[in-house]
Amino acid sequence: MKYVKKTILTLLFPVLMFLVMLAITASDSRCYVDGNFIFLGEDLVRYIIMNSCMTICVALAIWLQLKNGRFDFSGGASMLLAAIIAGNIGYNAGSPLLAMIVAVGVGIVLSCVTGGVYVLGRMPIIITTIGMTLLYESLTYLVFGGKGMIAFYLSAETSMFGRVPWVFVPTLIAIIVFLVFDHLTAAGRKGKILANNQSAGVNIGINEKKNVLVSYVFTGIIIGMAATVYVSQNSTVPQSGLSTSGILFSYIVPVFMGMFIGQASNDVIGICVSAVGLSIMNYGLNCLNLGAGGWQQIIMGAFVLGFYAFEAKLPAFMQIFEKMRKRTRAAT
């Protein structure tokens, strides 16, 4: 019963989101084309899988560093630059597998450079990663003539890792890499100590510099997986002025939601479940012609604000519920 309860609580969010969006779209005429209800069309499962896998890869890269006490602003720029380089090399060779290998290699290099600058520069992580973001964004205008890569995702041959079922490959690799670092490496366990109390961790002999660099190696692998999926689903063009932070923040919501949902299981499952739930919401908004522009941002912002407000007040609600239950038992 304990595991059944945890499973129900974990799956509650995507199930409720599906039922809510089903009810909303079913009552709107815009969701019917030639009498067919498009929300329950054949594109539903494919869209949720593709969008969720992309979200999971980026969210895990963010969460790995955040869980170790560092918010890395350069993740979006690293992913974009890796996607451009890997996309061009993979497209010219006609090999999606080569693109994935290159993306991982570039992701590791960029992540280690960021970690090295942070360790050697001894600057706050925010200042360091904002500076590295500007550097990586400038490089997107220099590599391959500043043309980015558009043709990669348009080709069925090269974009296989962004389509069903092959999109599960980079996603599963990202999940496995995260779990290996978090549960099976000394750096993962020591990182949790440093995140909770950096001074205490250093005082007991943890080598913080080594720990940071090791964590960035694993982050680089996950960024490589995210870059592979990204270039397989989107056109990649050079960006500047911290615009890649928008890419990063668009995938950060499942991280914080996953932390809450994961209390019933673990953080990785929480991130995966929240990614599915948000993908269902985005698909419903697309059916309502609200999937792009200001309305999507307004609806998403209102939903996230409401979710965080509920999370903050949940302990108070649980106390009230517990008191009512005790009173009921006493009365009987």
C-alpha atoms as a PDB file:
ATOM      1  CA  MET A   1       0.000   0.000   0.000  1.00  0.00           C
ATOM      2  CA  LYS A   2       2.916   2.326   0.665  1.00  0.00           C
ATOM      3  CA  TYR A   3       4.245   1.960  -2.873  1.00  0.00           C
ATOM      4  CA  VAL A   4       0.748   2.164  -4.366  1.00  0.00           C
ATOM      5  CA  LYS A   5       0.181   5.437  -2.518  1.00  0.00           C
ATOM      6  CA  LYS A   6       3.511   6.842  -3.753  1.00  0.00           C
ATOM      7  CA  THR A   7       2.719   5.806  -7.324  1.00  0.00           C
ATOM      8  CA  ILE A   8      -0.683   7.488  -7.215  1.00  0.00           C
ATOM      9  CA  LEU A   9       0.756  10.697  -5.768  1.00  0.00           C
ATOM     10  CA  THR A  10       3.533  10.728  -8.374  1.00  0.00           C
ATOM     11  CA  LEU A  11       1.185  10.230 -11.334  1.00  0.00           C
ATOM     12  CA  LEU A  12      -1.486  12.569  -9.984  1.00  0.00           C
ATOM     13  CA  PHE A  13      -0.141  15.701 -11.709  1.00  0.00           C
ATOM     14  CA  PRO A  14      -0.047  14.455 -15.336  1.00  0.00           C
ATOM     15  CA  VAL A  15      -3.370  12.641 -14.925  1.00  0.00           C
ATOM     16  CA  LEU A  16      -5.104  15.734 -13.550  1.00  0.00           C
ATOM     17  CA  MET A  17      -3.493  17.888 -16.237  1.00  0.00           C
ATOM     18  CA  PHE A  18      -4.779  15.523 -18.945  1.00  0.00           C
ATOM     19  CA  LEU A  19      -8.310  15.558 -17.524  1.00  0.00           C
ATOM     20  CA  VAL A  20      -8.347  19.357 -17.183  1.00  0.00           C
ATOM     21  CA  MET A  21      -7.058  19.960 -20.714  1.00  0.00           C
ATOM     22  CA  LEU A  22      -9.453  17.306 -22.049  1.00  0.00           C
ATOM     23  CA  ALA A  23     -12.416  19.104 -20.476  1.00  0.00           C
ATOM     24  CA  ILE A  24     -11.274  22.544 -21.685  1.00  0.00           C
ATOM     25  CA  THR A  25     -10.538  21.508 -25.258  1.00  0.00           C
ATOM     26  CA  ALA A  26     -13.693  19.390 -25.548  1.00  0.00           C
ATOM     27  CA  SER A  27     -15.807  22.468 -24.819  1.00  0.00           C
ATOM     28  CA  ASP A  28     -14.045  24.709 -27.368  1.00  0.00           C
ATOM     29  CA  SER A  29     -15.012  24.700 -31.039  1.00  0.00           C
ATOM     30  CA  ARG A  30     -11.441  25.534 -32.089  1.00  0.00           C
ATOM     31  CA  CYS A  31     -10.405  22.015 -31.097  1.00  0.00           C
ATOM     32  CA  TYR A  32     -12.657  20.388 -33.730  1.00  0.00           C
ATOM     33  CA  VAL A  33     -11.605  20.100 -37.365  1.00  0.00           C
ATOM     34  CA  ASP A  34     -14.137  18.549 -39.749  1.00  0.00           C
ATOM     35  CA  GLY A  35     -15.906  17.133 -36.722  1.00  0.00           C
ATOM     36  CA  ASN A  36     -12.774  15.463 -35.353  1.00  0.00           C
ATOM     37  CA  PHE A  37     -11.591  16.216 -31.822  1.00  0.00           C
ATOM     38  CA  ILE A  38      -7.922  17.077 -32.419  1.00  0.00           C
ATOM     39  CA  PHE A  39      -6.832  16.908 -28.770  1.00  0.00           C
ATOM     40  CA  LEU A  40      -7.216  13.121 -28.834  1.00  0.00           C
ATOM     41  CA  GLY A  41      -5.664  12.873 -32.277  1.00  0.00           C
ATOM     42  CA  GLU A  42      -2.718  10.750 -33.301  1.00  0.00           C
ATOM     43  CA  ASP A  43      -0.278  13.605 -32.667  1.00  0.00           C
ATOM     44  CA  LEU A  44      -0.963  13.662 -28.904  1.00  0.00           C
ATOM     45  CA  VAL A  45       1.350  10.849 -27.840  1.00  0.00           C
ATOM     46  CA  ARG A  46       4.075  11.772 -30.339  1.00  0.00           C
ATOM     47  CA  TYR A  47       4.107  15.416 -29.233  1.00  0.00           C
ATOM     48  CA  ILE A  48       4.190  14.541 -25.527  1.00  0.00           C
ATOM     49  CA  ILE A  49       7.048  12.084 -25.981  1.00  0.00           C
ATOM     50  CA  MET A  50       9.187  14.399 -28.112  1.00  0.00           C
ATOM     51  CA  ASN A  51       8.603  17.479 -25.976  1.00  0.00           C
ATOM     52  CA  SER A  52       9.019  15.603 -22.684  1.00  0.00           C
ATOM     53  CA  CYS A  53      12.303  14.002 -23.737  1.00  0.00           C
ATOM     54  CA  MET A  54      13.770  17.369 -24.698  1.00  0.00           C
ATOM     55  CA  THR A  55      12.615  18.864 -21.409  1.00  0.00           C
ATOM     56  CA  ILE A  56      13.999  15.992 -19.329  1.00  0.00           C
ATOM     57  CA  CYS A  57      17.486  16.256 -20.849  1.00  0.00           C
ATOM     58  CA  VAL A  58      17.814  19.998 -20.232  1.00  0.00           C
ATOM     59  CA  ALA A  59      16.167  19.825 -16.798  1.00  0.00           C
ATOM     60  CA  LEU A  60      18.566  17.110 -15.626  1.00  0.00           C
ATOM     61  CA  ALA A  61      21.571  19.208 -16.718  1.00  0.00           C
ATOM     62  CA  ILE A  62      20.206  22.163 -14.729  1.00  0.00           C
ATOM     63  CA  TRP A  63      19.323  20.050 -11.705  1.00  0.00           C
ATOM     64  CA  LEU A  64      22.691  18.297 -11.491  1.00  0.00           C
ATOM     65  CA  GLN A  65      24.480  21.592 -10.847  1.00  0.00           C
ATOM     66  CA  LEU A  66      21.645  23.138  -8.844  1.00  0.00           C
ATOM     67  CA  LYS A  67      21.531  20.113  -6.571  1.00  0.00           C
ATOM     68  CA  ASN A  68      25.216  20.670  -5.868  1.00  0.00           C
ATOM     69  CA  GLY A  69      24.622  24.304  -4.922  1.00  0.00           C
ATOM     70  CA  ARG A  70      25.381  25.999  -8.272  1.00  0.00           C
ATOM     71  CA  PHE A  71      22.993  27.676 -10.691  1.00  0.00           C
ATOM     72  CA  ASP A  72      24.719  27.619 -14.080  1.00  0.00           C
ATOM     73  CA  PHE A  73      23.425  30.261 -16.503  1.00  0.00           C
ATOM     74  CA  SER A  74      25.672  28.972 -19.292  1.00  0.00           C
ATOM     75  CA  GLY A  75      23.775  25.714 -19.828  1.00  0.00           C
ATOM     76  CA  GLY A  76      21.604  27.102 -22.634  1.00  0.00           C
ATOM     77  CA  ALA A  77      24.570  28.648 -24.466  1.00  0.00           C
ATOM     78  CA  SER A  78      26.613  25.452 -24.075  1.00  0.00           C
ATOM     79  CA  MET A  79      23.766  23.388 -25.473  1.00  0.00           C
ATOM     80  CA  LEU A  80      23.234  25.747 -28.425  1.00  0.00           C
ATOM     81  CA  LEU A  81      26.918  25.880 -29.346  1.00  0.00           C
ATOM     82  CA  ALA A  82      27.240  22.096 -29.030  1.00  0.00           C
ATOM     83  CA  ALA A  83      24.112  21.676 -31.161  1.00  0.00           C
ATOM     84  CA  ILE A  84      25.464  23.921 -33.929  1.00  0.00           C
ATOM     85  CA  ILE A  85      28.857  22.202 -34.051  1.00  0.00           C
ATOM     86  CA  ALA A  86      27.446  18.669 -33.787  1.00  0.00           C
ATOM     87  CA  GLY A  87      24.651  19.443 -36.254  1.00  0.00           C
ATOM     88  CA  ASN A  88      27.016  20.693 -38.956  1.00  0.00           C
ATOM     89  CA  ILE A  89      29.470  17.822 -38.557  1.00  0.00           C
ATOM     90  CA  GLY A  90      26.727  15.203 -38.359  1.00  0.00           C
ATOM     91  CA  TYR A  91      24.822  16.622 -41.326  1.00  0.00           C
ATOM     92  CA  ASN A  92      27.902  16.801 -43.546  1.00  0.00           C
ATOM     93  CA  ALA A  93      28.703  13.184 -42.645  1.00  0.00           C
ATOM     94  CA  GLY A  94      25.065  12.109 -42.848  1.00  0.00           C
ATOM     95  CA  SER A  95      25.394  10.461 -39.427  1.00  0.00           C
ATOM     96  CA  PRO A  96      23.188  11.245 -36.418  1.00  0.00           C
ATOM     97  CA  LEU A  97      25.358   8.969 -34.274  1.00  0.00           C
ATOM     98  CA  LEU A  98      28.438  11.050 -35.114  1.00  0.00           C
ATOM     99  CA  ALA A  99      26.450  14.170 -34.242  1.00  0.00           C
ATOM    100  CA  MET A 100      25.652  12.709 -30.824  1.00  0.00           C
ATOM    101  CA  ILE A 101      29.293  11.795 -30.159  1.00  0.00           C
ATOM    102  CA  VAL A 102      30.461  15.272 -31.188  1.00  0.00           C
ATOM    103  CA  ALA A 103      27.739  16.885 -29.066  1.00  0.00           C
ATOM    104  CA  VAL A 104      28.890  14.957 -26.008  1.00  0.00           C
ATOM    105  CA  GLY A 105      32.530  15.857 -26.644  1.00  0.00           C
ATOM    106  CA  VAL A 106      31.758  19.553 -27.122  1.00  0.00           C
ATOM    107  CA  GLY A 107      29.413  19.530 -24.130  1.00  0.00           C
ATOM    108  CA  ILE A 108      32.109  18.084 -21.877  1.00  0.00           C
ATOM    109  CA  VAL A 109      34.726  20.571 -23.104  1.00  0.00           C
ATOM    110  CA  LEU A 110      32.471  23.590 -22.654  1.00  0.00           C
ATOM    111  CA  SER A 111      31.265  22.434 -19.240  1.00  0.00           C
ATOM    112  CA  CYS A 112      34.812  21.763 -18.031  1.00  0.00           C
ATOM    113  CA  VAL A 113      35.931  25.186 -19.268  1.00  0.00           C
ATOM    114  CA  THR A 114      33.086  26.757 -17.300  1.00  0.00           C
ATOM    115  CA  GLY A 115      33.974  24.718 -14.229  1.00  0.00           C
ATOM    116  CA  GLY A 116      37.666  25.528 -14.620  1.00  0.00           C
ATOM    117  CA  VAL A 117      37.017  29.267 -14.849  1.00  0.00           C
ATOM    118  CA  TYR A 118      34.806  29.051 -11.759  1.00  0.00           C
ATOM    119  CA  VAL A 119      37.439  27.140  -9.776  1.00  0.00           C
ATOM    120  CA  LEU A 120      40.456  29.175 -10.868  1.00  0.00           C
ATOM    121  CA  GLY A 121      38.741  32.567 -10.978  1.00  0.00           C
ATOM    122  CA  ARG A 122      37.159  32.173  -7.540  1.00  0.00           C
ATOM    123  CA  MET A 123      34.264  34.345  -8.618  1.00  0.00           C
ATOM    124  CA  PRO A 124      30.591  33.833  -7.713  1.00  0.00           C
ATOM    125  CA  ILE A 125      28.995  31.169  -9.872  1.00  0.00           C
ATOM    126  CA  ILE A 126      26.445  33.629 -11.286  1.00  0.00           C
ATOM    127  CA  ILE A 127      29.116  36.084 -12.458  1.00  0.00           C
ATOM    128  CA  THR A 128      31.221  33.278 -13.907  1.00  0.00           C
ATOM    129  CA  THR A 129      28.430  31.593 -15.823  1.00  0.00           C
ATOM    130  CA  ILE A 130      26.973  34.845 -17.174  1.00  0.00           C
ATOM    131  CA  GLY A 131      30.416  35.695 -18.540  1.00  0.00           C
ATOM    132  CA  MET A 132      30.778  32.238 -20.070  1.00  0.00           C
ATOM    133  CA  THR A 133      27.294  32.561 -21.575  1.00  0.00           C
ATOM    134  CA  LEU A 134      28.331  35.741 -23.393  1.00  0.00           C
ATOM    135  CA  LEU A 135      31.509  34.019 -24.603  1.00  0.00           C
ATOM    136  CA  TYR A 136      29.729  30.915 -25.893  1.00  0.00           C
ATOM    137  CA  GLU A 137      27.045  33.018 -27.573  1.00  0.00           C
ATOM    138  CA  SER A 138      29.715  35.006 -29.405  1.00  0.00           C
ATOM    139  CA  LEU A 139      31.223  31.742 -30.624  1.00  0.00           C
ATOM    140  CA  THR A 140      27.924  30.779 -32.259  1.00  0.00           C
ATOM    141  CA  TYR A 141      28.580  33.617 -34.743  1.00  0.00           C
ATOM    142  CA  LEU A 142      32.068  32.351 -35.512  1.00  0.00           C
ATOM    143  CA  VAL A 143      31.725  28.598 -36.010  1.00  0.00           C
ATOM    144  CA  PHE A 144      30.695  27.417 -39.506  1.00  0.00           C
ATOM    145  CA  GLY A 145      30.391  30.959 -40.782  1.00  0.00           C
ATOM    146  CA  GLY A 146      27.749  31.958 -38.257  1.00  0.00           C
ATOM    147  CA  LYS A 147      25.040  30.156 -40.228  1.00  0.00           C
ATOM    148  CA  GLY A 148      23.902  27.860 -37.429  1.00  0.00           C
ATOM    149  CA  MET A 149      22.210  24.673 -38.611  1.00  0.00           C
ATOM    150  CA  ILE A 150      18.718  24.393 -40.065  1.00  0.00           C
ATOM    151  CA  ALA A 151      18.823  21.425 -42.424  1.00  0.00           C
ATOM    152  CA  PHE A 152      19.680  18.850 -39.729  1.00  0.00           C
ATOM    153  CA  TYR A 153      16.191  18.577 -38.226  1.00  0.00           C
ATOM    154  CA  LEU A 154      14.512  18.757 -41.645  1.00  0.00           C
ATOM    155  CA  SER A 155      16.222  15.560 -42.766  1.00  0.00           C
ATOM    156  CA  ALA A 156      14.593  12.334 -41.608  1.00  0.00           C
ATOM    157  CA  GLU A 157      17.964  10.581 -41.795  1.00  0.00           C
ATOM    158  CA  THR A 158      19.903  12.927 -39.501  1.00  0.00           C
ATOM    159  CA  SER A 159      17.097  13.925 -37.105  1.00  0.00           C
ATOM    160  CA  MET A 160      16.283  10.400 -35.916  1.00  0.00           C
ATOM    161  CA  PHE A 161      17.307  11.135 -32.292  1.00  0.00           C
ATOM    162  CA  GLY A 162      14.628  13.824 -32.133  1.00  0.00           C
ATOM    163  CA  ARG A 163      11.849  11.525 -33.332  1.00  0.00           C
ATOM    164  CA  VAL A 164       9.919   8.634 -31.848  1.00  0.00           C
ATOM    165  CA  PRO A 165      11.165   6.074 -30.871  1.00  0.00           C
ATOM    166  CA  TRP A 166      14.863   7.013 -31.155  1.00  0.00           C
ATOM    167  CA  VAL A 167      14.406  10.106 -28.980  1.00  0.00           C
ATOM    168  CA  PHE A 168      14.320   7.744 -25.999  1.00  0.00           C
ATOM    169  CA  VAL A 169      18.000   6.874 -26.559  1.00  0.00           C
ATOM    170  CA  PRO A 170      19.574  10.236 -25.588  1.00  0.00           C
ATOM    171  CA  THR A 171      16.926  10.694 -22.890  1.00  0.00           C
ATOM    172  CA  LEU A 172      17.708   7.371 -21.228  1.00  0.00           C
ATOM    173  CA  ILE A 173      21.436   8.065 -21.485  1.00  0.00           C
ATOM    174  CA  ALA A 174      20.918  11.424 -19.761  1.00  0.00           C
ATOM    175  CA  ILE A 175      18.880   9.787 -16.980  1.00  0.00           C
ATOM    176  CA  ILE A 176      21.457   7.018 -16.474  1.00  0.00           C
ATOM    177  CA  VAL A 177      24.356   9.498 -16.388  1.00  0.00           C
ATOM    178  CA  PHE A 178      22.547  11.601 -13.793  1.00  0.00           C
ATOM    179  CA  LEU A 179      21.723   8.581 -11.611  1.00  0.00           C
ATOM    180  CA  VAL A 180      25.284   7.252 -11.844  1.00  0.00           C
ATOM    181  CA  PHE A 181      26.732  10.584 -10.729  1.00  0.00           C
ATOM    182  CA  ASP A 182      24.158  11.160  -8.003  1.00  0.00           C
ATOM    183  CA  HIS A 183      24.092   7.694  -6.470  1.00  0.00           C
ATOM    184  CA  LEU A 184      27.197   5.765  -7.519  1.00  0.00           C
ATOM    185  CA  THR A 185      30.053   8.286  -7.470  1.00  0.00           C
ATOM    186  CA  ALA A 186      31.887   9.766  -4.518  1.00  0.00           C
ATOM    187  CA  ALA A 187      31.663  13.185  -6.194  1.00  0.00           C
ATOM    188  CA  GLY A 188      27.870  12.987  -6.217  1.00  0.00           C
ATOM    189  CA  ARG A 189      27.647  12.142  -2.531  1.00  0.00           C
ATOM    190  CA  LYS A 190      30.254  14.723  -1.578  1.00  0.00           C
ATOM    191  CA  GLY A 191      28.498  17.335  -3.696  1.00  0.00           C
ATOM    192  CA  LYS A 192      25.408  17.022  -1.528  1.00  0.00           C
ATOM    193  CA  ILE A 193      27.516  17.723   1.563  1.00  0.00           C
ATOM    194  CA  LEU A 194      29.086  20.780  -0.053  1.00  0.00           C
ATOM    195  CA  ALA A 195      25.680  22.065  -1.141  1.00  0.00           C
ATOM    196  CA  ASN A 196      24.290  21.779   2.387  1.00  0.00           C
ATOM    197  CA  ASN A 197      27.348  23.184   4.187  1.00  0.00           C
ATOM    198  CA  GLN A 198      30.328  24.128   2.063  1.00  0.00           C
ATOM    199  CA  SER A 199      32.597  25.069   4.977  1.00  0.00           C
ATOM    200  CA  ALA A 200      31.904  21.844   6.836  1.00  0.00           C
ATOM    201  CA  GLY A 201      32.542  19.791   3.705  1.00  0.00           C
ATOM    202  CA  VAL A 202      35.890  21.448   3.062  1.00  0.00           C
ATOM    203  CA  ASN A 203      36.868  21.081   6.716  1.00  0.00           C
ATOM    204  CA  ILE A 204      36.315  17.319   6.663  1.00  0.00           C
ATOM    205  CA  GLY A 205      38.652  16.989   3.689  1.00  0.00           C
ATOM    206  CA  ILE A 206      36.469  17.195   0.577  1.00  0.00           C
ATOM    207  CA  ASN A 207      38.382  18.563  -2.409  1.00  0.00           C
ATOM    208  CA  GLU A 208      35.862  21.100  -3.679  1.00  0.00           C
ATOM    209  CA  LYS A 209      37.784  21.941  -6.873  1.00  0.00           C
ATOM    210  CA  LYS A 210      37.975  18.307  -7.947  1.00  0.00           C
ATOM    211  CA  ASN A 211      34.336  17.811  -7.063  1.00  0.00           C
ATOM    212  CA  VAL A 212      33.275  20.755  -9.216  1.00  0.00           C
ATOM    213  CA  LEU A 213      35.221  19.552 -12.248  1.00  0.00           C
ATOM    214  CA  VAL A 214      33.905  15.990 -11.962  1.00  0.00           C
ATOM    215  CA  SER A 215      30.335  17.261 -11.710  1.00  0.00           C
ATOM    216  CA  TYR A 216      30.840  19.371 -14.831  1.00  0.00           C
ATOM    217  CA  VAL A 217      32.090  16.342 -16.783  1.00  0.00           C
ATOM    218  CA  PHE A 218      28.797  14.565 -16.070  1.00  0.00           C
ATOM    219  CA  THR A 219      26.858  17.755 -16.797  1.00  0.00           C
ATOM    220  CA  GLY A 220      28.654  17.996 -20.143  1.00  0.00           C
ATOM    221  CA  ILE A 221      27.490  14.508 -21.126  1.00  0.00           C
ATOM    222  CA  ILE A 222      23.875  15.410 -20.334  1.00  0.00           C
ATOM    223  CA  ILE A 223      24.212  18.707 -22.227  1.00  0.00           C
ATOM    224  CA  GLY A 224      25.471  16.683 -25.180  1.00  0.00           C
ATOM    225  CA  MET A 225      22.322  14.560 -25.052  1.00  0.00           C
ATOM    226  CA  ALA A 226      20.171  17.692 -24.807  1.00  0.00           C
ATOM    227  CA  ALA A 227      22.017  19.262 -27.761  1.00  0.00           C
ATOM    228  CA  THR A 228      21.440  16.116 -29.823  1.00  0.00           C
ATOM    229  CA  VAL A 229      17.699  16.213 -29.229  1.00  0.00           C
ATOM    230  CA  TYR A 230      17.557  20.003 -29.670  1.00  0.00           C
ATOM    231  CA  VAL A 231      19.281  20.094 -33.063  1.00  0.00           C
ATOM    232  CA  SER A 232      17.126  17.147 -34.150  1.00  0.00           C
ATOM    233  CA  GLN A 233      13.919  19.049 -33.379  1.00  0.00           C
ATOM    234  CA  ASN A 234      14.769  22.719 -33.997  1.00  0.00           C
ATOM    235  CA  SER A 235      16.665  25.042 -36.266  1.00  0.00           C
ATOM    236  CA  THR A 236      19.735  26.345 -34.440  1.00  0.00           C
ATOM    237  CA  VAL A 237      20.753  29.929 -35.164  1.00  0.00           C
ATOM    238  CA  PRO A 238      23.399  32.145 -33.513  1.00  0.00           C
ATOM    239  CA  GLN A 239      22.174  34.130 -30.523  1.00  0.00           C
ATOM    240  CA  SER A 240      23.535  36.958 -28.414  1.00  0.00           C
ATOM    241  CA  GLY A 241      22.743  39.229 -25.480  1.00  0.00           C
ATOM    242  CA  LEU A 242      22.032  36.367 -23.051  1.00  0.00           C
ATOM    243  CA  SER A 243      19.154  35.261 -25.263  1.00  0.00           C
ATOM    244  CA  THR A 244      20.136  31.636 -24.643  1.00  0.00           C
ATOM    245  CA  SER A 245      19.070  32.161 -21.038  1.00  0.00           C
ATOM    246  CA  GLY A 246      15.539  32.070 -22.429  1.00  0.00           C
ATOM    247  CA  ILE A 247      16.189  28.520 -23.631  1.00  0.00           C
ATOM    248  CA  LEU A 248      17.482  27.623 -20.187  1.00  0.00           C
ATOM    249  CA  PHE A 249      14.595  29.166 -18.256  1.00  0.00           C
ATOM    250  CA  SER A 250      11.983  27.644 -20.554  1.00  0.00           C
ATOM    251  CA  TYR A 251      13.026  24.240 -19.237  1.00  0.00           C
ATOM    252  CA  ILE A 252      13.611  25.153 -15.599  1.00  0.00           C
ATOM    253  CA  VAL A 253       9.995  24.852 -14.439  1.00  0.00           C
ATOM    254  CA  PRO A 254      10.054  21.008 -14.428  1.00  0.00           C
ATOM    255  CA  VAL A 255      13.123  21.162 -12.172  1.00  0.00           C
ATOM    256  CA  PHE A 256      11.312  22.927  -9.352  1.00  0.00           C
ATOM    257  CA  MET A 257       8.084  21.045  -9.930  1.00  0.00           C
ATOM    258  CA  GLY A 258      10.032  17.785 -10.009  1.00  0.00           C
ATOM    259  CA  MET A 259      11.574  18.575  -6.627  1.00  0.00           C
ATOM    260  CA  PHE A 260       8.064  18.708  -5.148  1.00  0.00           C
ATOM    261  CA  ILE A 261       6.540  15.784  -7.045  1.00  0.00           C
ATOM    262  CA  GLY A 262       9.678  13.725  -6.434  1.00  0.00           C
ATOM    263  CA  GLN A 263       9.059  13.758  -2.686  1.00  0.00           C
ATOM    264  CA  ALA A 264       6.760  10.802  -3.279  1.00  0.00           C
ATOM    265  CA  SER A 265       9.482   8.911  -5.189  1.00  0.00           C
ATOM    266  CA  ASN A 266      12.759  10.598  -6.234  1.00  0.00           C
ATOM    267  CA  ASP A 267      13.804  13.748  -8.048  1.00  0.00           C
ATOM    268  CA  VAL A 268      14.466  12.116 -11.436  1.00  0.00           C
ATOM    269  CA  ILE A 269      11.002  10.552 -11.540  1.00  0.00           C
ATOM    270  CA  GLY A 270       9.567  13.879 -10.395  1.00  0.00           C
ATOM    271  CA  ILE A 271      11.265  15.730 -13.259  1.00  0.00           C
ATOM    272  CA  CYS A 272      10.089  13.146 -15.807  1.00  0.00           C
ATOM    273  CA  VAL A 273       6.500  13.252 -14.540  1.00  0.00           C
ATOM    274  CA  SER A 274       6.394  17.051 -14.426  1.00  0.00           C
ATOM    275  CA  ALA A 275       7.811  17.193 -17.972  1.00  0.00           C
ATOM    276  CA  VAL A 276       4.987  14.951 -19.180  1.00  0.00           C
ATOM    277  CA  GLY A 277       2.364  17.038 -17.378  1.00  0.00           C
ATOM    278  CA  LEU A 278       3.649  20.309 -18.825  1.00  0.00           C
ATOM    279  CA  SER A 279       3.836  18.758 -22.303  1.00  0.00           C
ATOM    280  CA  ILE A 280       0.160  17.812 -22.019  1.00  0.00           C
ATOM    281  CA  MET A 281      -0.672  21.397 -21.068  1.00  0.00           C
ATOM    282  CA  ASN A 282       1.348  22.820 -23.967  1.00  0.00           C
ATOM    283  CA  TYR A 283      -0.331  20.441 -26.399  1.00  0.00           C
ATOM    284  CA  GLY A 284      -3.747  21.518 -25.154  1.00  0.00           C
ATOM    285  CA  LEU A 285      -2.782  25.169 -25.575  1.00  0.00           C
ATOM    286  CA  ASN A 286      -1.660  24.433 -29.133  1.00  0.00           C
ATOM    287  CA  CYS A 287      -5.048  22.899 -29.847  1.00  0.00           C
ATOM    288  CA  LEU A 288      -6.642  26.101 -28.528  1.00  0.00           C
ATOM    289  CA  ASN A 289      -4.338  28.211 -30.736  1.00  0.00           C
ATOM    290  CA  LEU A 290      -2.701  29.572 -27.591  1.00  0.00           C
ATOM    291  CA  GLY A 291       0.552  27.660 -27.936  1.00  0.00           C
ATOM    292  CA  ALA A 292       2.675  30.619 -28.941  1.00  0.00           C
ATOM    293  CA  GLY A 293       3.032  34.267 -28.048  1.00  0.00           C
ATOM    294  CA  GLY A 294       1.926  36.215 -25.017  1.00  0.00           C
ATOM    295  CA  TRP A 295      -1.052  34.090 -23.975  1.00  0.00           C
ATOM    296  CA  GLN A 296       1.073  30.994 -23.556  1.00  0.00           C
ATOM    297  CA  GLN A 297       3.483  32.892 -21.320  1.00  0.00           C
ATOM    298  CA  ILE A 298       0.629  34.365 -19.285  1.00  0.00           C
ATOM    299  CA  ILE A 299      -1.054  30.991 -18.794  1.00  0.00           C
ATOM    300  CA  MET A 300       2.223  29.256 -17.985  1.00  0.00           C
ATOM    301  CA  GLY A 301       3.224  32.003 -15.551  1.00  0.00           C
ATOM    302  CA  ALA A 302      -0.149  31.895 -13.790  1.00  0.00           C
ATOM    303  CA  PHE A 303       0.004  28.110 -13.537  1.00  0.00           C
ATOM    304  CA  VAL A 304       3.533  28.096 -12.137  1.00  0.00           C
ATOM    305  CA  LEU A 305       2.659  30.820  -9.637  1.00  0.00           C
ATOM    306  CA  GLY A 306      -0.406  28.880  -8.527  1.00  0.00           C
ATOM    307  CA  PHE A 307       1.597  25.662  -8.207  1.00  0.00           C
ATOM    308  CA  TYR A 308       4.273  27.309  -6.064  1.00  0.00           C
ATOM    309  CA  ALA A 309       1.611  28.961  -3.895  1.00  0.00           C
ATOM    310  CA  PHE A 310      -0.016  25.557  -3.374  1.00  0.00           C
ATOM    311  CA  GLU A 311       3.363  24.000  -2.544  1.00  0.00           C
ATOM    312  CA  ALA A 312       4.086  26.730   0.018  1.00  0.00           C
ATOM    313  CA  LYS A 313       0.693  26.311   1.707  1.00  0.00           C
ATOM    314  CA  LEU A 314       0.620  22.505   1.551  1.00  0.00           C
ATOM    315  CA  PRO A 315       2.071  21.979   5.077  1.00  0.00           C
ATOM    316  CA  ALA A 316      -0.679  24.207   6.518  1.00  0.00           C
ATOM    317  CA  PHE A 317      -3.328  22.288   4.560  1.00  0.00           C
ATOM    318  CA  MET A 318      -1.932  18.990   5.814  1.00  0.00           C
ATOM    319  CA  GLN A 319      -2.057  20.209   9.424  1.00  0.00           C
ATOM    320  CA  ILE A 320      -5.703  21.233   9.016  1.00  0.00           C
ATOM    321  CA  PHE A 321      -6.502  17.880   7.404  1.00  0.00           C
ATOM    322  CA  GLU A 322      -4.759  15.997  10.235  1.00  0.00           C
ATOM    323  CA  LYS A 323      -6.666  17.941  12.888  1.00  0.00           C
ATOM    324  CA  MET A 324      -9.977  17.208  11.164  1.00  0.00           C
ATOM    325  CA  ARG A 325      -9.120  13.528  10.961  1.00  0.00           C
ATOM    326  CA  LYS A 326      -8.246  13.384  14.683  1.00  0.00           C
ATOM    327  CA  ARG A 327     -11.510  15.088  15.554  1.00  0.00           C
ATOM    328  CA  THR A 328     -13.430  12.605  13.429  1.00  0.00           C
ATOM    329  CA  ARG A 329     -11.732   9.686  15.147  1.00  0.00           C
ATOM    330  CA  ALA A 330     -12.415  11.175  18.593  1.00  0.00           C
ATOM    331  CA  ALA A 331     -16.076  11.700  17.746  1.00  0.00           C
ATOM    332  CA  THR A 332     -16.476   8.069  16.684  1.00  0.00           C
END
